[in-house]
Amino acid sequence: MRVSRLDSNGDWTFGKGRANYVADSGAIRQNVVTRLRSFKNDWFFDIDANIDWFNILGNRSNRKIIESEVRRVTLETEGVLTIDAYELVSVTKREAQIIMNITTIFDEKIKVETGISI
């Protein structure tokens, strides 16, 4: 598995040939983060994909819904076998911080950290 590498702002990188790609477990990590940061209705081929952050993030009583949606999207990501550890570090009205340890199809355990902000 190989995908275009993203920079710290989430933009594609260009100009360095094969160095602009990330492979194997790094690609899986990047795909998980990208899918978690994607909003429902963003992708016109599948408007039900990803998470409805606008409706669930602003309410503290939605913590279980957020956890369920994060697990669902992560496990549906190509290359992810299991979620070994999961922590929803903080949830505020407009932000969430997520830390997970996952096992990939390459039998590697990797840490995934991402923040969601609306």
PDB file of N, CA and C in Angstrom:
ATOM      1  N   MET A   1       0.844  -1.161   0.000  1.00  0.00           N
ATOM      2  CA  MET A   1       0.000   0.000   0.000  1.00  0.00           C
ATOM      3  C   MET A   1       0.897   1.234   0.000  1.00  0.00           C
ATOM      4  N   ARG A   2       0.540   2.198  -0.832  1.00  0.00           N
ATOM      5  CA  ARG A   2       1.307   3.440  -0.944  1.00  0.00           C
ATOM      6  C   ARG A   2       0.341   4.588  -1.236  1.00  0.00           C
ATOM      7  N   VAL A   3       0.518   5.693  -0.522  1.00  0.00           N
ATOM      8  CA  VAL A   3      -0.313   6.877  -0.726  1.00  0.00           C
ATOM      9  C   VAL A   3       0.568   8.117  -0.745  1.00  0.00           C
ATOM     10  N   SER A   4       0.047   9.196  -1.305  1.00  0.00           N
ATOM     11  CA  SER A   4       0.771  10.466  -1.325  1.00  0.00           C
ATOM     12  C   SER A   4       0.956  10.977   0.098  1.00  0.00           C
ATOM     13  N   ARG A   5       2.154  11.414   0.399  1.00  0.00           N
ATOM     14  CA  ARG A   5       2.474  11.927   1.731  1.00  0.00           C
ATOM     15  C   ARG A   5       1.818  13.289   1.931  1.00  0.00           C
ATOM     16  N   LEU A   6       1.321  13.516   3.146  1.00  0.00           N
ATOM     17  CA  LEU A   6       0.744  14.799   3.510  1.00  0.00           C
ATOM     18  C   LEU A   6       1.716  15.564   4.402  1.00  0.00           C
ATOM     19  N   ASP A   7       1.689  16.884   4.301  1.00  0.00           N
ATOM     20  CA  ASP A   7       2.525  17.693   5.177  1.00  0.00           C
ATOM     21  C   ASP A   7       1.783  17.974   6.489  1.00  0.00           C
ATOM     22  N   SER A   8       2.353  18.792   7.346  1.00  0.00           N
ATOM     23  CA  SER A   8       1.765  19.055   8.662  1.00  0.00           C
ATOM     24  C   SER A   8       0.424  19.773   8.579  1.00  0.00           C
ATOM     25  N   ASN A   9       0.137  20.398   7.440  1.00  0.00           N
ATOM     26  CA  ASN A   9      -1.144  21.079   7.242  1.00  0.00           C
ATOM     27  C   ASN A   9      -2.190  20.190   6.583  1.00  0.00           C
ATOM     28  N   GLY A  10      -1.822  18.957   6.256  1.00  0.00           N
ATOM     29  CA  GLY A  10      -2.749  18.044   5.604  1.00  0.00           C
ATOM     30  C   GLY A  10      -2.795  18.193   4.095  1.00  0.00           C
ATOM     31  N   ASP A  11      -1.812  18.894   3.517  1.00  0.00           N
ATOM     32  CA  ASP A  11      -1.760  19.075   2.067  1.00  0.00           C
ATOM     33  C   ASP A  11      -0.796  18.076   1.440  1.00  0.00           C
ATOM     34  N   TRP A  12      -1.053  17.704   0.181  1.00  0.00           N
ATOM     35  CA  TRP A  12      -0.154  16.812  -0.528  1.00  0.00           C
ATOM     36  C   TRP A  12       1.218  17.456  -0.678  1.00  0.00           C
ATOM     37  N   THR A  13       2.239  16.610  -0.692  1.00  0.00           N
ATOM     38  CA  THR A  13       3.595  17.093  -0.935  1.00  0.00           C
ATOM     39  C   THR A  13       3.983  16.757  -2.366  1.00  0.00           C
ATOM     40  N   PHE A  14       4.814  17.609  -2.971  1.00  0.00           N
ATOM     41  CA  PHE A  14       5.229  17.435  -4.359  1.00  0.00           C
ATOM     42  C   PHE A  14       6.718  17.751  -4.505  1.00  0.00           C
ATOM     43  N   GLY A  15       7.293  17.273  -5.609  1.00  0.00           N
ATOM     44  CA  GLY A  15       8.624  17.706  -6.007  1.00  0.00           C
ATOM     45  C   GLY A  15       9.779  16.841  -5.576  1.00  0.00           C
ATOM     46  N   LYS A  16       9.511  15.728  -4.880  1.00  0.00           N
ATOM     47  CA  LYS A  16      10.614  14.883  -4.424  1.00  0.00           C
ATOM     48  C   LYS A  16      10.448  13.437  -4.888  1.00  0.00           C
ATOM     49  N   GLY A  17       9.721  13.234  -5.955  1.00  0.00           N
ATOM     50  CA  GLY A  17       9.563  11.896  -6.523  1.00  0.00           C
ATOM     51  C   GLY A  17       8.978  10.905  -5.537  1.00  0.00           C
ATOM     52  N   ARG A  18       9.661   9.778  -5.374  1.00  0.00           N
ATOM     53  CA  ARG A  18       9.162   8.720  -4.486  1.00  0.00           C
ATOM     54  C   ARG A  18       9.176   9.121  -3.017  1.00  0.00           C
ATOM     55  N   ALA A  19       9.933  10.119  -2.658  1.00  0.00           N
ATOM     56  CA  ALA A  19       9.950  10.597  -1.273  1.00  0.00           C
ATOM     57  C   ALA A  19       8.627  11.265  -0.905  1.00  0.00           C
ATOM     58  N   ASN A  20       7.790  11.547  -1.895  1.00  0.00           N
ATOM     59  CA  ASN A  20       6.486  12.154  -1.638  1.00  0.00           C
ATOM     60  C   ASN A  20       5.409  11.104  -1.383  1.00  0.00           C
ATOM     61  N   TYR A  21       5.803   9.871  -1.177  1.00  0.00           N
ATOM     62  CA  TYR A  21       4.857   8.805  -0.892  1.00  0.00           C
ATOM     63  C   TYR A  21       5.203   8.150   0.438  1.00  0.00           C
ATOM     64  N   VAL A  22       4.203   7.634   1.086  1.00  0.00           N
ATOM     65  CA  VAL A  22       4.388   6.876   2.316  1.00  0.00           C
ATOM     66  C   VAL A  22       3.791   5.491   2.055  1.00  0.00           C
ATOM     67  N   ALA A  23       4.434   4.460   2.595  1.00  0.00           N
ATOM     68  CA  ALA A  23       4.022   3.086   2.281  1.00  0.00           C
ATOM     69  C   ALA A  23       3.719   2.286   3.549  1.00  0.00           C
ATOM     70  N   ASP A  24       3.084   1.159   3.330  1.00  0.00           N
ATOM     71  CA  ASP A  24       2.803   0.155   4.356  1.00  0.00           C
ATOM     72  C   ASP A  24       2.073   0.732   5.566  1.00  0.00           C
ATOM     73  N   SER A  25       2.577   0.504   6.773  1.00  0.00           N
ATOM     74  CA  SER A  25       1.870   0.953   7.979  1.00  0.00           C
ATOM     75  C   SER A  25       1.782   2.466   8.066  1.00  0.00           C
ATOM     76  N   GLY A  26       2.753   3.175   7.524  1.00  0.00           N
ATOM     77  CA  GLY A  26       2.679   4.638   7.487  1.00  0.00           C
ATOM     78  C   GLY A  26       1.510   5.099   6.643  1.00  0.00           C
ATOM     79  N   ALA A  27       1.259   4.398   5.546  1.00  0.00           N
ATOM     80  CA  ALA A  27       0.123   4.731   4.680  1.00  0.00           C
ATOM     81  C   ALA A  27      -1.196   4.440   5.395  1.00  0.00           C
ATOM     82  N   ILE A  28      -1.234   3.359   6.136  1.00  0.00           N
ATOM     83  CA  ILE A  28      -2.447   3.023   6.886  1.00  0.00           C
ATOM     84  C   ILE A  28      -2.705   4.078   7.950  1.00  0.00           C
ATOM     85  N   ARG A  29      -1.671   4.492   8.678  1.00  0.00           N
ATOM     86  CA  ARG A  29      -1.820   5.538   9.694  1.00  0.00           C
ATOM     87  C   ARG A  29      -2.376   6.816   9.056  1.00  0.00           C
ATOM     88  N   GLN A  30      -1.791   7.196   7.928  1.00  0.00           N
ATOM     89  CA  GLN A  30      -2.245   8.417   7.260  1.00  0.00           C
ATOM     90  C   GLN A  30      -3.689   8.288   6.797  1.00  0.00           C
ATOM     91  N   ASN A  31      -4.072   7.124   6.283  1.00  0.00           N
ATOM     92  CA  ASN A  31      -5.459   6.914   5.853  1.00  0.00           C
ATOM     93  C   ASN A  31      -6.435   6.986   7.022  1.00  0.00           C
ATOM     94  N   VAL A  32      -6.061   6.421   8.177  1.00  0.00           N
ATOM     95  CA  VAL A  32      -6.927   6.481   9.356  1.00  0.00           C
ATOM     96  C   VAL A  32      -7.126   7.926   9.776  1.00  0.00           C
ATOM     97  N   VAL A  33      -6.037   8.678   9.872  1.00  0.00           N
ATOM     98  CA  VAL A  33      -6.132  10.087  10.280  1.00  0.00           C
ATOM     99  C   VAL A  33      -6.971  10.878   9.286  1.00  0.00           C
ATOM    100  N   THR A  34      -6.750  10.663   7.995  1.00  0.00           N
ATOM    101  CA  THR A  34      -7.508  11.387   6.970  1.00  0.00           C
ATOM    102  C   THR A  34      -8.999  11.069   7.062  1.00  0.00           C
ATOM    103  N   ARG A  35      -9.331   9.802   7.261  1.00  0.00           N
ATOM    104  CA  ARG A  35     -10.742   9.424   7.352  1.00  0.00           C
ATOM    105  C   ARG A  35     -11.391   9.961   8.617  1.00  0.00           C
ATOM    106  N   LEU A  36     -10.645   9.989   9.729  1.00  0.00           N
ATOM    107  CA  LEU A  36     -11.211  10.532  10.963  1.00  0.00           C
ATOM    108  C   LEU A  36     -11.446  12.038  10.859  1.00  0.00           C
ATOM    109  N   ARG A  37     -10.595  12.716  10.123  1.00  0.00           N
ATOM    110  CA  ARG A  37     -10.740  14.166   9.968  1.00  0.00           C
ATOM    111  C   ARG A  37     -11.775  14.546   8.909  1.00  0.00           C
ATOM    112  N   SER A  38     -12.248  13.582   8.152  1.00  0.00           N
ATOM    113  CA  SER A  38     -13.207  13.859   7.086  1.00  0.00           C
ATOM    114  C   SER A  38     -14.626  13.896   7.647  1.00  0.00           C
ATOM    115  N   PHE A  39     -15.418  14.785   7.112  1.00  0.00           N
ATOM    116  CA  PHE A  39     -16.776  14.988   7.579  1.00  0.00           C
ATOM    117  C   PHE A  39     -17.763  14.217   6.708  1.00  0.00           C
ATOM    118  N   LYS A  40     -18.848  13.801   7.316  1.00  0.00           N
ATOM    119  CA  LYS A  40     -19.934  13.152   6.579  1.00  0.00           C
ATOM    120  C   LYS A  40     -20.429  14.116   5.504  1.00  0.00           C
ATOM    121  N   ASN A  41     -20.813  13.611   4.370  1.00  0.00           N
ATOM    122  CA  ASN A  41     -21.297  14.352   3.201  1.00  0.00           C
ATOM    123  C   ASN A  41     -20.181  15.042   2.416  1.00  0.00           C
ATOM    124  N   ASP A  42     -18.920  14.832   2.783  1.00  0.00           N
ATOM    125  CA  ASP A  42     -17.807  15.450   2.048  1.00  0.00           C
ATOM    126  C   ASP A  42     -17.523  14.755   0.720  1.00  0.00           C
ATOM    127  N   TRP A  43     -17.710  13.465   0.671  1.00  0.00           N
ATOM    128  CA  TRP A  43     -17.329  12.701  -0.513  1.00  0.00           C
ATOM    129  C   TRP A  43     -18.589  12.343  -1.291  1.00  0.00           C
ATOM    130  N   PHE A  44     -18.738  12.887  -2.485  1.00  0.00           N
ATOM    131  CA  PHE A  44     -19.993  12.737  -3.229  1.00  0.00           C
ATOM    132  C   PHE A  44     -20.280  11.308  -3.684  1.00  0.00           C
ATOM    133  N   PHE A  45     -19.276  10.432  -3.743  1.00  0.00           N
ATOM    134  CA  PHE A  45     -19.534   9.036  -4.102  1.00  0.00           C
ATOM    135  C   PHE A  45     -20.187   8.261  -2.957  1.00  0.00           C
ATOM    136  N   ASP A  46     -19.930   8.689  -1.720  1.00  0.00           N
ATOM    137  CA  ASP A  46     -20.497   8.019  -0.557  1.00  0.00           C
ATOM    138  C   ASP A  46     -20.742   9.073   0.528  1.00  0.00           C
ATOM    139  N   ILE A  47     -21.903   9.695   0.500  1.00  0.00           N
ATOM    140  CA  ILE A  47     -22.176  10.794   1.427  1.00  0.00           C
ATOM    141  C   ILE A  47     -22.355  10.319   2.864  1.00  0.00           C
ATOM    142  N   ASP A  48     -22.525   9.017   3.082  1.00  0.00           N
ATOM    143  CA  ASP A  48     -22.652   8.484   4.438  1.00  0.00           C
ATOM    144  C   ASP A  48     -21.314   8.073   5.036  1.00  0.00           C
ATOM    145  N   ALA A  49     -20.244   8.186   4.259  1.00  0.00           N
ATOM    146  CA  ALA A  49     -18.922   7.824   4.777  1.00  0.00           C
ATOM    147  C   ALA A  49     -18.454   8.860   5.797  1.00  0.00           C
ATOM    148  N   ASN A  50     -17.565   8.441   6.658  1.00  0.00           N
ATOM    149  CA  ASN A  50     -16.915   9.302   7.639  1.00  0.00           C
ATOM    150  C   ASN A  50     -17.851   9.679   8.786  1.00  0.00           C
ATOM    151  N   ILE A  51     -17.584  10.774   9.481  1.00  0.00           N
ATOM    152  CA  ILE A  51     -18.269  11.080  10.739  1.00  0.00           C
ATOM    153  C   ILE A  51     -18.999  12.418  10.643  1.00  0.00           C
ATOM    154  N   ASP A  52     -20.182  12.463  11.220  1.00  0.00           N
ATOM    155  CA  ASP A  52     -20.993  13.676  11.240  1.00  0.00           C
ATOM    156  C   ASP A  52     -20.557  14.572  12.412  1.00  0.00           C
ATOM    157  N   TRP A  53     -19.345  15.108  12.303  1.00  0.00           N
ATOM    158  CA  TRP A  53     -18.759  15.896  13.398  1.00  0.00           C
ATOM    159  C   TRP A  53     -19.607  17.107  13.764  1.00  0.00           C
ATOM    160  N   PHE A  54     -20.238  17.744  12.806  1.00  0.00           N
ATOM    161  CA  PHE A  54     -21.010  18.949  13.096  1.00  0.00           C
ATOM    162  C   PHE A  54     -22.145  18.689  14.084  1.00  0.00           C
ATOM    163  N   ASN A  55     -22.758  17.527  14.013  1.00  0.00           N
ATOM    164  CA  ASN A  55     -23.904  17.238  14.872  1.00  0.00           C
ATOM    165  C   ASN A  55     -23.549  16.530  16.172  1.00  0.00           C
ATOM    166  N   ILE A  56     -22.402  15.851  16.242  1.00  0.00           N
ATOM    167  CA  ILE A  56     -22.111  15.099  17.467  1.00  0.00           C
ATOM    168  C   ILE A  56     -21.029  15.719  18.336  1.00  0.00           C
ATOM    169  N   LEU A  57     -20.212  16.610  17.798  1.00  0.00           N
ATOM    170  CA  LEU A  57     -19.084  17.110  18.584  1.00  0.00           C
ATOM    171  C   LEU A  57     -19.475  18.166  19.606  1.00  0.00           C
ATOM    172  N   GLY A  58     -20.495  18.915  19.364  1.00  0.00           N
ATOM    173  CA  GLY A  58     -20.837  20.024  20.243  1.00  0.00           C
ATOM    174  C   GLY A  58     -21.535  19.662  21.536  1.00  0.00           C
ATOM    175  N   ASN A  59     -21.840  18.399  21.779  1.00  0.00           N
ATOM    176  CA  ASN A  59     -22.610  17.999  22.948  1.00  0.00           C
ATOM    177  C   ASN A  59     -21.825  16.982  23.773  1.00  0.00           C
ATOM    178  N   ARG A  60     -21.585  17.274  25.034  1.00  0.00           N
ATOM    179  CA  ARG A  60     -20.787  16.373  25.880  1.00  0.00           C
ATOM    180  C   ARG A  60     -21.457  15.024  26.084  1.00  0.00           C
ATOM    181  N   SER A  61     -22.773  14.964  26.026  1.00  0.00           N
ATOM    182  CA  SER A  61     -23.470  13.694  26.222  1.00  0.00           C
ATOM    183  C   SER A  61     -23.294  12.759  25.029  1.00  0.00           C
ATOM    184  N   ASN A  62     -22.641  13.227  23.976  1.00  0.00           N
ATOM    185  CA  ASN A  62     -22.420  12.413  22.783  1.00  0.00           C
ATOM    186  C   ASN A  62     -21.095  11.667  22.805  1.00  0.00           C
ATOM    187  N   ARG A  63     -20.411  11.611  23.928  1.00  0.00           N
ATOM    188  CA  ARG A  63     -19.104  10.955  24.011  1.00  0.00           C
ATOM    189  C   ARG A  63     -19.157   9.503  23.518  1.00  0.00           C
ATOM    190  N   LYS A  64     -20.176   8.758  23.907  1.00  0.00           N
ATOM    191  CA  LYS A  64     -20.319   7.354  23.468  1.00  0.00           C
ATOM    192  C   LYS A  64     -20.524   7.270  21.953  1.00  0.00           C
ATOM    193  N   ILE A  65     -21.281   8.211  21.403  1.00  0.00           N
ATOM    194  CA  ILE A  65     -21.504   8.237  19.955  1.00  0.00           C
ATOM    195  C   ILE A  65     -20.187   8.525  19.242  1.00  0.00           C
ATOM    196  N   ILE A  66     -19.423   9.475  19.749  1.00  0.00           N
ATOM    197  CA  ILE A  66     -18.127   9.806  19.151  1.00  0.00           C
ATOM    198  C   ILE A  66     -17.218   8.590  19.177  1.00  0.00           C
ATOM    199  N   GLU A  67     -17.128   7.912  20.325  1.00  0.00           N
ATOM    200  CA  GLU A  67     -16.282   6.725  20.445  1.00  0.00           C
ATOM    201  C   GLU A  67     -16.713   5.642  19.459  1.00  0.00           C
ATOM    202  N   SER A  68     -18.013   5.424  19.352  1.00  0.00           N
ATOM    203  CA  SER A  68     -18.535   4.417  18.435  1.00  0.00           C
ATOM    204  C   SER A  68     -18.201   4.756  16.978  1.00  0.00           C
ATOM    205  N   GLU A  69     -18.379   6.009  16.597  1.00  0.00           N
ATOM    206  CA  GLU A  69     -18.100   6.435  15.227  1.00  0.00           C
ATOM    207  C   GLU A  69     -16.601   6.360  14.907  1.00  0.00           C
ATOM    208  N   VAL A  70     -15.767   6.755  15.853  1.00  0.00           N
ATOM    209  CA  VAL A  70     -14.316   6.679  15.626  1.00  0.00           C
ATOM    210  C   VAL A  70     -13.888   5.229  15.445  1.00  0.00           C
ATOM    211  N   ARG A  71     -14.400   4.346  16.261  1.00  0.00           N
ATOM    212  CA  ARG A  71     -14.073   2.917  16.121  1.00  0.00           C
ATOM    213  C   ARG A  71     -14.561   2.381  14.770  1.00  0.00           C
ATOM    214  N   ARG A  72     -15.787   2.726  14.395  1.00  0.00           N
ATOM    215  CA  ARG A  72     -16.345   2.240  13.131  1.00  0.00           C
ATOM    216  C   ARG A  72     -15.489   2.680  11.948  1.00  0.00           C
ATOM    217  N   VAL A  73     -15.189   3.969  11.874  1.00  0.00           N
ATOM    218  CA  VAL A  73     -14.417   4.500  10.745  1.00  0.00           C
ATOM    219  C   VAL A  73     -13.009   3.908  10.725  1.00  0.00           C
ATOM    220  N   THR A  74     -12.401   3.752  11.888  1.00  0.00           N
ATOM    221  CA  THR A  74     -11.047   3.186  11.951  1.00  0.00           C
ATOM    222  C   THR A  74     -11.037   1.748  11.471  1.00  0.00           C
ATOM    223  N   LEU A  75     -11.958   0.943  11.960  1.00  0.00           N
ATOM    224  CA  LEU A  75     -11.977  -0.470  11.575  1.00  0.00           C
ATOM    225  C   LEU A  75     -12.388  -0.677  10.123  1.00  0.00           C
ATOM    226  N   GLU A  76     -13.088   0.285   9.524  1.00  0.00           N
ATOM    227  CA  GLU A  76     -13.449   0.192   8.109  1.00  0.00           C
ATOM    228  C   GLU A  76     -12.318   0.664   7.189  1.00  0.00           C
ATOM    229  N   THR A  77     -11.253   1.206   7.755  1.00  0.00           N
ATOM    230  CA  THR A  77     -10.134   1.678   6.954  1.00  0.00           C
ATOM    231  C   THR A  77      -9.323   0.490   6.456  1.00  0.00           C
ATOM    232  N   GLU A  78      -9.032   0.487   5.180  1.00  0.00           N
ATOM    233  CA  GLU A  78      -8.269  -0.611   4.582  1.00  0.00           C
ATOM    234  C   GLU A  78      -6.926  -0.769   5.278  1.00  0.00           C
ATOM    235  N   GLY A  79      -6.625  -2.000   5.696  1.00  0.00           N
ATOM    236  CA  GLY A  79      -5.342  -2.302   6.314  1.00  0.00           C
ATOM    237  C   GLY A  79      -5.364  -2.361   7.827  1.00  0.00           C
ATOM    238  N   VAL A  80      -6.456  -1.940   8.458  1.00  0.00           N
ATOM    239  CA  VAL A  80      -6.557  -1.983   9.914  1.00  0.00           C
ATOM    240  C   VAL A  80      -7.191  -3.310  10.325  1.00  0.00           C
ATOM    241  N   LEU A  81      -6.496  -4.053  11.188  1.00  0.00           N
ATOM    242  CA  LEU A  81      -7.053  -5.307  11.687  1.00  0.00           C
ATOM    243  C   LEU A  81      -7.802  -5.116  12.995  1.00  0.00           C
ATOM    244  N   THR A  82      -7.148  -4.476  13.971  1.00  0.00           N
ATOM    245  CA  THR A  82      -7.762  -4.304  15.283  1.00  0.00           C
ATOM    246  C   THR A  82      -7.380  -2.953  15.888  1.00  0.00           C
ATOM    247  N   ILE A  83      -8.202  -2.527  16.818  1.00  0.00           N
ATOM    248  CA  ILE A  83      -7.865  -1.388  17.666  1.00  0.00           C
ATOM    249  C   ILE A  83      -7.473  -1.988  19.008  1.00  0.00           C
ATOM    250  N   ASP A  84      -6.212  -1.835  19.385  1.00  0.00           N
ATOM    251  CA  ASP A  84      -5.708  -2.452  20.609  1.00  0.00           C
ATOM    252  C   ASP A  84      -5.941  -1.568  21.833  1.00  0.00           C
ATOM    253  N   ALA A  85      -5.852  -0.285  21.667  1.00  0.00           N
ATOM    254  CA  ALA A  85      -6.102   0.659  22.756  1.00  0.00           C
ATOM    255  C   ALA A  85      -6.720   1.907  22.150  1.00  0.00           C
ATOM    256  N   TYR A  86      -7.579   2.524  22.924  1.00  0.00           N
ATOM    257  CA  TYR A  86      -8.298   3.698  22.417  1.00  0.00           C
ATOM    258  C   TYR A  86      -8.528   4.666  23.564  1.00  0.00           C
ATOM    259  N   GLU A  87      -8.304   5.945  23.285  1.00  0.00           N
ATOM    260  CA  GLU A  87      -8.571   6.962  24.296  1.00  0.00           C
ATOM    261  C   GLU A  87      -9.079   8.220  23.619  1.00  0.00           C
ATOM    262  N   LEU A  88     -10.216   8.675  24.063  1.00  0.00           N
ATOM    263  CA  LEU A  88     -10.748   9.959  23.638  1.00  0.00           C
ATOM    264  C   LEU A  88     -10.304  10.938  24.718  1.00  0.00           C
ATOM    265  N   VAL A  89      -9.183  11.605  24.456  1.00  0.00           N
ATOM    266  CA  VAL A  89      -8.504  12.402  25.471  1.00  0.00           C
ATOM    267  C   VAL A  89      -9.345  13.572  25.923  1.00  0.00           C
ATOM    268  N   SER A  90      -9.844  14.340  24.988  1.00  0.00           N
ATOM    269  CA  SER A  90     -10.651  15.502  25.369  1.00  0.00           C
ATOM    270  C   SER A  90     -11.731  15.734  24.330  1.00  0.00           C
ATOM    271  N   VAL A  91     -12.841  16.224  24.801  1.00  0.00           N
ATOM    272  CA  VAL A  91     -13.935  16.608  23.923  1.00  0.00           C
ATOM    273  C   VAL A  91     -14.434  17.956  24.420  1.00  0.00           C
ATOM    274  N   THR A  92     -14.370  18.944  23.558  1.00  0.00           N
ATOM    275  CA  THR A  92     -14.943  20.249  23.880  1.00  0.00           C
ATOM    276  C   THR A  92     -16.039  20.517  22.865  1.00  0.00           C
ATOM    277  N   LYS A  93     -16.577  21.709  22.887  1.00  0.00           N
ATOM    278  CA  LYS A  93     -17.662  22.030  21.951  1.00  0.00           C
ATOM    279  C   LYS A  93     -17.241  21.910  20.498  1.00  0.00           C
ATOM    280  N   ARG A  94     -16.007  22.248  20.194  1.00  0.00           N
ATOM    281  CA  ARG A  94     -15.587  22.304  18.798  1.00  0.00           C
ATOM    282  C   ARG A  94     -14.370  21.435  18.488  1.00  0.00           C
ATOM    283  N   GLU A  95     -13.844  20.681  19.474  1.00  0.00           N
ATOM    284  CA  GLU A  95     -12.628  19.906  19.245  1.00  0.00           C
ATOM    285  C   GLU A  95     -12.672  18.566  19.968  1.00  0.00           C
ATOM    286  N   ALA A  96     -11.905  17.622  19.423  1.00  0.00           N
ATOM    287  CA  ALA A  96     -11.714  16.328  20.074  1.00  0.00           C
ATOM    288  C   ALA A  96     -10.277  15.890  19.828  1.00  0.00           C
ATOM    289  N   GLN A  97      -9.698  15.200  20.789  1.00  0.00           N
ATOM    290  CA  GLN A  97      -8.344  14.663  20.666  1.00  0.00           C
ATOM    291  C   GLN A  97      -8.431  13.150  20.833  1.00  0.00           C
ATOM    292  N   ILE A  98      -7.892  12.397  19.873  1.00  0.00           N
ATOM    293  CA  ILE A  98      -8.025  10.940  19.839  1.00  0.00           C
ATOM    294  C   ILE A  98      -6.643  10.312  19.779  1.00  0.00           C
ATOM    295  N   ILE A  99      -6.428   9.282  20.605  1.00  0.00           N
ATOM    296  CA  ILE A  99      -5.187   8.505  20.575  1.00  0.00           C
ATOM    297  C   ILE A  99      -5.576   7.030  20.513  1.00  0.00           C
ATOM    298  N   MET A 100      -4.979   6.296  19.571  1.00  0.00           N
ATOM    299  CA  MET A 100      -5.263   4.864  19.413  1.00  0.00           C
ATOM    300  C   MET A 100      -3.989   4.103  19.121  1.00  0.00           C
ATOM    301  N   ASN A 101      -3.987   2.839  19.507  1.00  0.00           N
ATOM    302  CA  ASN A 101      -2.981   1.896  19.050  1.00  0.00           C
ATOM    303  C   ASN A 101      -3.720   0.870  18.207  1.00  0.00           C
ATOM    304  N   ILE A 102      -3.241   0.662  16.981  1.00  0.00           N
ATOM    305  CA  ILE A 102      -3.905  -0.278  16.089  1.00  0.00           C
ATOM    306  C   ILE A 102      -2.902  -1.313  15.580  1.00  0.00           C
ATOM    307  N   THR A 103      -3.425  -2.440  15.137  1.00  0.00           N
ATOM    308  CA  THR A 103      -2.623  -3.471  14.482  1.00  0.00           C
ATOM    309  C   THR A 103      -2.992  -3.464  13.007  1.00  0.00           C
ATOM    310  N   THR A 104      -1.956  -3.471  12.144  1.00  0.00           N
ATOM    311  CA  THR A 104      -2.181  -3.398  10.705  1.00  0.00           C
ATOM    312  C   THR A 104      -2.070  -4.781  10.065  1.00  0.00           C
ATOM    313  N   ILE A 105      -2.386  -4.843   8.773  1.00  0.00           N
ATOM    314  CA  ILE A 105      -2.269  -6.095   8.032  1.00  0.00           C
ATOM    315  C   ILE A 105      -0.816  -6.517   7.880  1.00  0.00           C
ATOM    316  N   PHE A 106       0.109  -5.616   8.177  1.00  0.00           N
ATOM    317  CA  PHE A 106       1.533  -5.942   8.119  1.00  0.00           C
ATOM    318  C   PHE A 106       2.022  -6.452   9.463  1.00  0.00           C
ATOM    319  N   ASP A 107       1.096  -6.759  10.361  1.00  0.00           N
ATOM    320  CA  ASP A 107       1.369  -7.265  11.698  1.00  0.00           C
ATOM    321  C   ASP A 107       2.243  -6.301  12.501  1.00  0.00           C
ATOM    322  N   GLU A 108       2.009  -5.014  12.295  1.00  0.00           N
ATOM    323  CA  GLU A 108       2.706  -3.979  13.044  1.00  0.00           C
ATOM    324  C   GLU A 108       1.706  -3.268  13.937  1.00  0.00           C
ATOM    325  N   LYS A 109       2.149  -2.917  15.117  1.00  0.00           N
ATOM    326  CA  LYS A 109       1.330  -2.123  16.030  1.00  0.00           C
ATOM    327  C   LYS A 109       1.800  -0.679  15.914  1.00  0.00           C
ATOM    328  N   ILE A 110       0.868   0.215  15.581  1.00  0.00           N
ATOM    329  CA  ILE A 110       1.233   1.619  15.401  1.00  0.00           C
ATOM    330  C   ILE A 110       0.316   2.509  16.233  1.00  0.00           C
ATOM    331  N   LYS A 111       0.832   3.672  16.571  1.00  0.00           N
ATOM    332  CA  LYS A 111       0.075   4.654  17.342  1.00  0.00           C
ATOM    333  C   LYS A 111      -0.469   5.701  16.384  1.00  0.00           C
ATOM    334  N   VAL A 112      -1.745   6.025  16.561  1.00  0.00           N
ATOM    335  CA  VAL A 112      -2.410   7.034  15.743  1.00  0.00           C
ATOM    336  C   VAL A 112      -2.921   8.122  16.686  1.00  0.00           C
ATOM    337  N   GLU A 113      -2.492   9.355  16.433  1.00  0.00           N
ATOM    338  CA  GLU A 113      -2.954  10.498  17.211  1.00  0.00           C
ATOM    339  C   GLU A 113      -3.483  11.546  16.245  1.00  0.00           C
ATOM    340  N   THR A 114      -4.640  12.087  16.569  1.00  0.00           N
ATOM    341  CA  THR A 114      -5.185  13.150  15.725  1.00  0.00           C
ATOM    342  C   THR A 114      -6.124  14.037  16.536  1.00  0.00           C
ATOM    343  N   GLY A 115      -6.235  15.229  16.068  1.00  0.00           N
ATOM    344  CA  GLY A 115      -7.176  16.172  16.639  1.00  0.00           C
ATOM    345  C   GLY A 115      -8.229  16.528  15.602  1.00  0.00           C
ATOM    346  N   ILE A 116      -9.437  16.701  16.056  1.00  0.00           N
ATOM    347  CA  ILE A 116     -10.546  17.089  15.197  1.00  0.00           C
ATOM    348  C   ILE A 116     -10.989  18.478  15.641  1.00  0.00           C
ATOM    349  N   SER A 117     -11.166  19.358  14.695  1.00  0.00           N
ATOM    350  CA  SER A 117     -11.598  20.711  15.028  1.00  0.00           C
ATOM    351  C   SER A 117     -12.620  21.174  13.997  1.00  0.00           C
ATOM    352  N   ILE A 118     -13.741  21.704  14.491  1.00  0.00           N
ATOM    353  CA  ILE A 118     -14.739  22.227  13.561  1.00  0.00           C
ATOM    354  C   ILE A 118     -14.922  23.705  13.756  1.00  0.00           C
TER     355      ILE A 118
END
